[in-house]
Amino acid sequence: MELAYIPSPSRGVIHLGPIPLRGYAFCIIIGVFVAVWLGNKRWLARGGRAGTVADIAVWAVPFGLVGGRLYHVITDYELYFSEGRDWVDAFKIWEGGLGIWGAIALGAVGAWIGCRRRGIPLPAYADAIAPGIALAQAIGRWGNWFNQELYGKETDLPWAVHITSSLDGRVPGHYHPTFLYESLWCVGVALLVIWADRRFQLGHGRAFALYVAAYCAGRFWIEYLRVDDAHHILGLRLNNWTALVVFVLAVVYLVLSAKKRPGRETVVEPGADDPATDGSEADGDAEDGAKAESPEATADDGKADGADDGKADGADDVKNPAESDSESKAESKSESESAGKKS
């Protein structure tokens, strides 16, 4: 008798009229928003501009989704290209099937493109977004719960997940909720990276490398519990080998980077400390416009001054007619008096 267990949803999709709303897709979308939100806060704290993380995510997220799907399809090709399978299902991303290794790898390419367009060093951006990626994974793993997939071995533990679906070879029963284990592990990884970053001032990609190493450590033992079909090499699942190799690479980068470039970047986004913003740039444009108009204004002022001077000079040259008559009479009288004296 099972005293307790985690129930599985009866279905992973509800329909709003003709529109399907899938739990897996919602988990992915919410995870992306959380990653961008936290990444933006960390980017601002490092001296970057608001909105930069979201702008680069426009490149990184689509690349990451494509990379994650490609990794899954390539490593589990028999699910789509073997006899009796429909290869069109390889494009049905909403049914589940994203490999984190491919998502991070190709997502990094997209992030590099976005960073290059803005003149930002990719390692600095990766450090800011690393804990957010871990939280996005923690949220995204609940999409596997909606799809009743990626569970572990059978167990009678009180937190076992109850699988009810029999699709694709599933056997109803109670299993280790490996999706829950990985979700909780990723939350711990996010907290670890945030703490270590504050404590040791990690920079130049080391916060991201710590995230990668910590995630791989957890993924190794969680992968060992899973019972879904997978390719094996020397007795280990393919993802175990991937986690092991990537873990070693991340640790090597941490050590070498700390020796070569200790500390953290002083500038993560060129021009972010400049008081000039979009508003001030607009003011600058207005000033330029004023300068462009100033020659005409100067010419108009010159014309006005010339007209005023001309009027003033003209007024001095033109005499009052009454004054002219008085002067003429005075001159005539003076001439008459002079003639009388002579006679």
Protein backbone atom coordinates (compact mmCIF):
# COMPACT_ATOMS: atom_id res chain seq x y z
CA MET A 1 0.00 0.00 0.00
CA GLU A 2 1.45 3.31 -1.06
CA LEU A 3 1.12 5.87 1.69
CA ALA A 4 1.94 8.76 -0.59
CA TYR A 5 3.13 9.51 -4.08
CA ILE A 6 3.29 12.31 -6.61
CA PRO A 7 0.31 11.96 -8.95
CA SER A 8 0.80 12.48 -12.67
CA PRO A 9 -1.55 14.77 -14.57
CA SER A 10 -4.26 12.95 -16.47
CA ARG A 11 -3.27 14.90 -19.56
CA GLY A 12 -0.56 17.36 -20.50
CA VAL A 13 -2.65 19.57 -22.75
CA ILE A 14 -5.93 21.43 -22.54
CA HIS A 15 -7.73 23.03 -25.45
CA LEU A 16 -8.93 26.60 -25.53
CA GLY A 17 -11.24 26.19 -28.48
CA PRO A 18 -9.01 25.11 -31.37
CA ILE A 19 -5.85 26.25 -29.55
CA PRO A 20 -3.93 23.57 -27.58
CA LEU A 21 -2.28 24.77 -24.35
CA ARG A 22 0.51 22.35 -23.47
CA GLY A 23 2.04 22.09 -20.03
CA TYR A 24 5.49 21.30 -21.46
CA ALA A 25 5.51 24.46 -23.57
CA PHE A 26 4.32 26.61 -20.67
CA CYS A 27 7.17 25.36 -18.47
CA ILE A 28 9.72 26.22 -21.15
CA ILE A 29 8.25 29.70 -21.70
CA ILE A 30 8.07 30.50 -17.98
CA GLY A 31 11.66 29.32 -17.56
CA VAL A 32 12.84 31.65 -20.33
CA PHE A 33 11.11 34.63 -18.73
CA VAL A 34 12.64 33.87 -15.33
CA ALA A 35 16.11 33.51 -16.86
CA VAL A 36 15.84 36.86 -18.66
CA TRP A 37 14.42 38.59 -15.57
CA LEU A 38 17.19 37.38 -13.25
CA GLY A 39 19.84 37.87 -15.92
CA ASN A 40 18.76 41.48 -16.39
CA LYS A 41 19.05 42.19 -12.65
CA ARG A 42 22.54 40.69 -12.55
CA TRP A 43 23.56 42.52 -15.72
CA LEU A 44 22.51 45.87 -14.24
CA ALA A 45 24.42 45.07 -11.04
CA ARG A 46 27.53 44.47 -13.15
CA GLY A 47 27.22 47.85 -14.83
CA GLY A 48 25.27 46.97 -17.96
CA ARG A 49 22.20 48.57 -19.49
CA ALA A 50 18.61 47.53 -18.93
CA GLY A 51 17.17 45.52 -21.81
CA THR A 52 20.49 44.19 -23.08
CA VAL A 53 19.90 40.68 -21.72
CA ALA A 54 16.50 40.48 -23.41
CA ASP A 55 17.89 41.77 -26.70
CA ILE A 56 20.57 39.09 -26.76
CA ALA A 57 18.07 36.45 -25.63
CA VAL A 58 16.16 37.11 -28.85
CA TRP A 59 19.13 35.44 -30.55
CA ALA A 60 20.04 32.88 -27.88
CA VAL A 61 16.62 31.34 -27.20
CA PRO A 62 15.72 30.29 -30.78
CA PHE A 63 19.22 28.94 -31.31
CA GLY A 64 18.96 27.06 -28.01
CA LEU A 65 15.63 25.48 -28.90
CA VAL A 66 16.97 24.31 -32.25
CA GLY A 67 20.16 23.00 -30.64
CA GLY A 68 18.28 21.17 -27.92
CA ARG A 69 15.98 19.51 -30.41
CA LEU A 70 18.84 18.55 -32.72
CA TYR A 71 20.76 16.90 -29.89
CA HIS A 72 17.71 14.91 -28.86
CA VAL A 73 16.85 13.81 -32.40
CA ILE A 74 20.45 12.84 -33.21
CA THR A 75 21.02 10.87 -30.02
CA ASP A 76 17.58 9.22 -30.16
CA TYR A 77 17.22 8.97 -33.92
CA GLU A 78 15.49 5.58 -33.72
CA LEU A 79 12.42 7.32 -32.25
CA TYR A 80 11.90 9.18 -35.53
CA PHE A 81 13.65 7.35 -38.35
CA SER A 82 13.32 3.65 -37.58
CA GLU A 83 10.74 1.39 -39.19
CA GLY A 84 7.18 2.30 -38.31
CA ARG A 85 8.12 5.78 -37.13
CA ASP A 86 7.15 9.09 -38.70
CA TRP A 87 10.10 11.44 -39.27
CA VAL A 88 7.74 14.42 -39.12
CA ASP A 89 7.51 13.81 -35.37
CA ALA A 90 11.07 15.11 -35.10
CA PHE A 91 9.63 18.62 -35.50
CA LYS A 92 6.99 18.21 -32.78
CA ILE A 93 8.98 19.92 -30.08
CA TRP A 94 5.88 20.40 -27.93
CA GLU A 95 5.73 16.65 -27.30
CA GLY A 96 9.00 16.83 -25.41
CA GLY A 97 12.57 16.05 -26.28
CA LEU A 98 15.15 18.81 -25.71
CA GLY A 99 18.77 17.96 -24.94
CA ILE A 100 20.30 20.51 -22.58
CA TRP A 101 23.74 19.91 -24.07
CA GLY A 102 22.64 20.97 -27.53
CA ALA A 103 20.54 23.81 -26.15
CA ILE A 104 23.49 25.35 -24.30
CA ALA A 105 25.94 24.78 -27.15
CA LEU A 106 23.86 26.29 -29.95
CA GLY A 107 22.29 28.83 -27.59
CA ALA A 108 25.83 30.08 -26.91
CA VAL A 109 26.27 30.62 -30.64
CA GLY A 110 23.13 32.74 -30.72
CA ALA A 111 24.28 34.67 -27.65
CA TRP A 112 27.65 35.25 -29.29
CA ILE A 113 25.94 36.77 -32.32
CA GLY A 114 23.84 39.04 -30.12
CA CYS A 115 26.86 40.07 -28.02
CA ARG A 116 28.97 40.77 -31.07
CA ARG A 117 26.29 43.06 -32.49
CA ARG A 118 26.38 45.13 -29.29
CA GLY A 119 30.12 44.98 -28.66
CA ILE A 120 29.73 42.96 -25.47
CA PRO A 121 32.11 40.18 -24.30
CA LEU A 122 30.30 36.84 -24.32
CA PRO A 123 31.89 35.60 -21.04
CA ALA A 124 30.51 38.60 -19.15
CA TYR A 125 27.03 37.97 -20.51
CA ALA A 126 27.29 34.26 -19.70
CA ASP A 127 28.23 35.05 -16.09
CA ALA A 128 25.17 37.26 -15.69
CA ILE A 129 22.73 34.78 -17.18
CA ALA A 130 24.12 31.55 -15.63
CA PRO A 131 21.91 31.32 -12.50
CA GLY A 132 18.88 32.21 -14.61
CA ILE A 133 19.60 29.32 -16.96
CA ALA A 134 19.73 26.95 -13.99
CA LEU A 135 16.35 28.21 -12.76
CA ALA A 136 14.94 27.90 -16.27
CA GLN A 137 16.03 24.25 -16.28
CA ALA A 138 14.43 23.74 -12.87
CA ILE A 139 11.12 25.05 -14.19
CA GLY A 140 11.40 23.33 -17.54
CA ARG A 141 11.86 19.91 -15.94
CA TRP A 142 8.26 20.06 -14.75
CA GLY A 143 7.29 19.84 -18.39
CA ASN A 144 8.48 16.22 -18.20
CA TRP A 145 6.00 15.67 -15.38
CA PHE A 146 3.18 16.87 -17.63
CA ASN A 147 4.34 14.43 -20.32
CA GLN A 148 4.94 11.56 -17.86
CA GLU A 149 8.51 11.06 -19.03
CA LEU A 150 12.09 10.94 -17.78
CA TYR A 151 11.40 9.07 -14.58
CA GLY A 152 13.76 6.66 -12.81
CA LYS A 153 13.70 3.17 -11.40
CA GLU A 154 10.77 1.71 -9.50
CA THR A 155 10.56 2.71 -5.86
CA ASP A 156 8.18 2.67 -2.90
CA LEU A 157 9.44 5.98 -1.50
CA PRO A 158 6.67 8.37 -0.43
CA TRP A 159 7.73 10.88 -3.08
CA ALA A 160 7.59 8.40 -5.96
CA VAL A 161 5.85 9.63 -9.10
CA HIS A 162 2.84 7.63 -10.20
CA ILE A 163 2.99 6.90 -13.93
CA THR A 164 -0.38 6.07 -15.43
CA SER A 165 0.36 6.26 -19.16
CA SER A 166 1.21 3.16 -21.19
CA LEU A 167 2.19 5.01 -24.38
CA ASP A 168 5.58 4.38 -26.04
CA GLY A 169 6.32 1.35 -23.89
CA ARG A 170 5.64 2.95 -20.51
CA VAL A 171 4.65 0.62 -17.70
CA PRO A 172 2.28 2.16 -15.14
CA GLY A 173 3.73 2.16 -11.64
CA HIS A 174 5.67 4.18 -9.07
CA TYR A 175 9.12 5.44 -10.00
CA HIS A 176 11.87 7.79 -8.88
CA PRO A 177 10.83 11.30 -9.97
CA THR A 178 14.12 12.12 -11.64
CA PHE A 179 12.55 15.26 -13.12
CA LEU A 180 11.98 16.47 -9.54
CA TYR A 181 15.51 15.56 -8.47
CA GLU A 182 16.98 17.51 -11.35
CA SER A 183 14.64 20.45 -10.74
CA LEU A 184 15.73 20.73 -7.11
CA TRP A 185 19.37 20.24 -8.06
CA CYS A 186 19.16 23.09 -10.56
CA VAL A 187 17.69 25.40 -7.91
CA GLY A 188 20.66 24.52 -5.72
CA VAL A 189 23.05 25.22 -8.60
CA ALA A 190 21.51 28.65 -9.13
CA LEU A 191 21.90 29.51 -5.44
CA LEU A 192 25.48 28.21 -5.44
CA VAL A 193 26.47 30.35 -8.42
CA ILE A 194 24.85 33.47 -6.94
CA TRP A 195 26.64 32.93 -3.62
CA ALA A 196 30.03 32.13 -5.15
CA ASP A 197 29.78 35.08 -7.52
CA ARG A 198 29.21 37.48 -4.64
CA ARG A 199 31.82 35.84 -2.43
CA PHE A 200 34.64 35.50 -4.95
CA GLN A 201 33.73 38.15 -7.56
CA LEU A 202 33.73 35.65 -10.40
CA GLY A 203 34.29 37.07 -13.85
CA HIS A 204 35.46 36.29 -17.39
CA GLY A 205 33.08 33.34 -17.71
CA ARG A 206 33.90 31.63 -14.42
CA ALA A 207 30.39 31.97 -12.96
CA PHE A 208 29.05 30.24 -16.06
CA ALA A 209 31.75 27.56 -15.81
CA LEU A 210 30.77 26.93 -12.18
CA TYR A 211 27.15 26.51 -13.26
CA VAL A 212 28.18 24.01 -15.94
CA ALA A 213 30.39 21.99 -13.57
CA ALA A 214 27.80 21.92 -10.78
CA TYR A 215 25.00 20.91 -13.15
CA CYS A 216 27.07 18.12 -14.69
CA ALA A 217 27.87 16.72 -11.24
CA GLY A 218 24.18 16.39 -10.48
CA ARG A 219 23.20 15.22 -13.93
CA PHE A 220 25.66 12.34 -13.68
CA TRP A 221 24.00 10.64 -10.70
CA ILE A 222 20.45 11.58 -11.77
CA GLU A 223 21.07 10.11 -15.23
CA TYR A 224 22.18 6.90 -13.55
CA LEU A 225 18.68 6.51 -12.04
CA ARG A 226 16.78 6.88 -15.31
CA VAL A 227 15.31 3.86 -17.07
CA ASP A 228 14.28 5.31 -20.42
CA ASP A 229 16.02 3.93 -23.48
CA ALA A 230 19.46 5.42 -24.19
CA HIS A 231 22.67 4.57 -25.99
CA HIS A 232 25.36 3.05 -23.78
CA ILE A 233 29.13 3.26 -24.06
CA LEU A 234 31.25 0.99 -21.83
CA GLY A 235 28.26 0.40 -19.58
CA LEU A 236 27.39 4.07 -19.09
CA ARG A 237 24.59 6.02 -20.70
CA LEU A 238 25.63 8.53 -23.36
CA ASN A 239 24.52 11.45 -21.21
CA ASN A 240 26.71 10.18 -18.36
CA TRP A 241 29.75 10.40 -20.61
CA THR A 242 28.67 13.81 -21.87
CA ALA A 243 28.26 15.10 -18.31
CA LEU A 244 31.65 13.72 -17.33
CA VAL A 245 33.50 15.29 -20.29
CA VAL A 246 31.78 18.65 -19.96
CA PHE A 247 32.44 18.67 -16.19
CA VAL A 248 36.16 18.21 -16.75
CA LEU A 249 36.24 20.97 -19.38
CA ALA A 250 34.39 23.38 -17.08
CA VAL A 251 36.76 22.74 -14.18
CA VAL A 252 39.82 23.19 -16.40
CA TYR A 253 38.43 26.51 -17.64
CA LEU A 254 37.78 27.65 -14.06
CA VAL A 255 41.37 26.97 -13.03
CA LEU A 256 43.07 28.39 -16.12
CA SER A 257 40.85 31.46 -16.31
CA ALA A 258 41.46 32.32 -12.66
CA LYS A 259 45.22 32.27 -13.26
CA LYS A 260 45.16 34.13 -16.55
CA ARG A 261 42.50 36.75 -15.82
CA PRO A 262 41.76 37.03 -12.11
CA GLY A 263 38.99 39.26 -10.85
CA ARG A 264 35.98 40.53 -12.73
CA GLU A 265 35.54 42.75 -15.78
CA THR A 266 35.49 46.45 -14.93
CA VAL A 267 33.40 47.26 -18.01
CA VAL A 268 30.84 44.77 -19.32
CA GLU A 269 29.02 47.02 -21.78
CA PRO A 270 30.75 49.88 -23.61
CA GLY A 271 29.02 53.20 -23.03
CA ALA A 272 26.80 51.92 -20.20
CA ASP A 273 28.40 54.36 -17.73
CA ASP A 274 28.04 57.24 -20.19
CA PRO A 275 25.26 59.60 -19.03
CA ALA A 276 24.17 59.84 -22.66
CA THR A 277 20.98 57.82 -23.05
CA ASP A 278 18.42 57.58 -25.75
CA GLY A 279 16.75 60.71 -24.43
CA SER A 280 19.98 62.69 -24.40
CA GLU A 281 20.76 61.44 -27.87
CA ALA A 282 17.44 62.89 -28.95
CA ASP A 283 18.44 66.17 -27.29
CA GLY A 284 21.68 66.03 -29.20
CA ASP A 285 19.78 65.57 -32.43
CA ALA A 286 17.65 68.57 -31.55
CA GLU A 287 20.79 70.61 -30.90
CA ASP A 288 22.22 69.53 -34.24
CA GLY A 289 18.97 70.55 -35.86
CA ALA A 290 19.17 73.92 -34.17
CA LYS A 291 22.70 74.35 -35.42
CA ALA A 292 21.59 73.49 -38.92
CA GLU A 293 18.87 76.13 -38.73
CA SER A 294 21.10 78.78 -37.15
CA PRO A 295 22.61 80.10 -40.44
CA GLU A 296 19.15 80.97 -41.70
CA ALA A 297 18.30 82.58 -38.41
CA THR A 298 21.54 84.55 -38.53
CA ALA A 299 20.75 85.68 -42.06
CA ASP A 300 17.28 86.78 -40.96
CA ASP A 301 18.78 88.67 -38.03
CA GLY A 302 21.28 90.29 -40.39
CA LYS A 303 18.49 91.41 -42.69
CA ALA A 304 16.56 92.83 -39.79
CA ASP A 305 19.60 94.69 -38.47
CA GLY A 306 20.36 96.02 -41.95
CA ALA A 307 16.82 97.22 -42.35
CA ASP A 308 16.89 98.97 -38.99
CA ASP A 309 20.21 100.65 -39.74
CA GLY A 310 18.93 101.75 -43.15
CA LYS A 311 15.84 103.24 -41.63
CA ALA A 312 17.87 105.07 -39.01
CA ASP A 313 20.25 106.51 -41.61
CA GLY A 314 17.36 107.49 -43.86
CA ALA A 315 15.69 109.28 -40.98
CA ASP A 316 18.83 111.32 -40.34
CA ASP A 317 19.11 112.35 -44.01
CA VAL A 318 15.45 113.39 -44.47
CA LYS A 319 14.57 116.76 -42.91
CA ASN A 320 11.24 118.08 -41.76
CA PRO A 321 9.63 120.41 -44.45
CA ALA A 322 8.66 122.99 -41.79
CA GLU A 323 12.21 123.26 -40.60
CA SER A 324 13.38 123.80 -44.20
CA ASP A 325 10.91 126.73 -44.70
CA SER A 326 12.04 128.41 -41.48
CA GLU A 327 15.66 128.17 -42.50
CA SER A 328 14.86 129.70 -45.94
CA LYS A 329 12.98 132.65 -44.40
CA ALA A 330 15.81 133.31 -41.95
CA GLU A 331 18.35 133.36 -44.77
CA SER A 332 16.17 135.81 -46.85
CA LYS A 333 15.76 138.18 -43.90
CA SER A 334 19.46 138.15 -43.25
CA GLU A 335 20.20 139.01 -46.89
CA SER A 336 17.69 141.96 -46.81
CA GLU A 337 19.25 143.45 -43.71
CA SER A 338 22.69 143.24 -45.24
CA ALA A 339 21.50 145.04 -48.39
CA GLY A 340 19.89 147.87 -46.33
CA LYS A 341 23.05 148.51 -44.48
CA LYS A 342 25.04 148.73 -47.67
CA SER A 343 22.63 151.24 -49.19
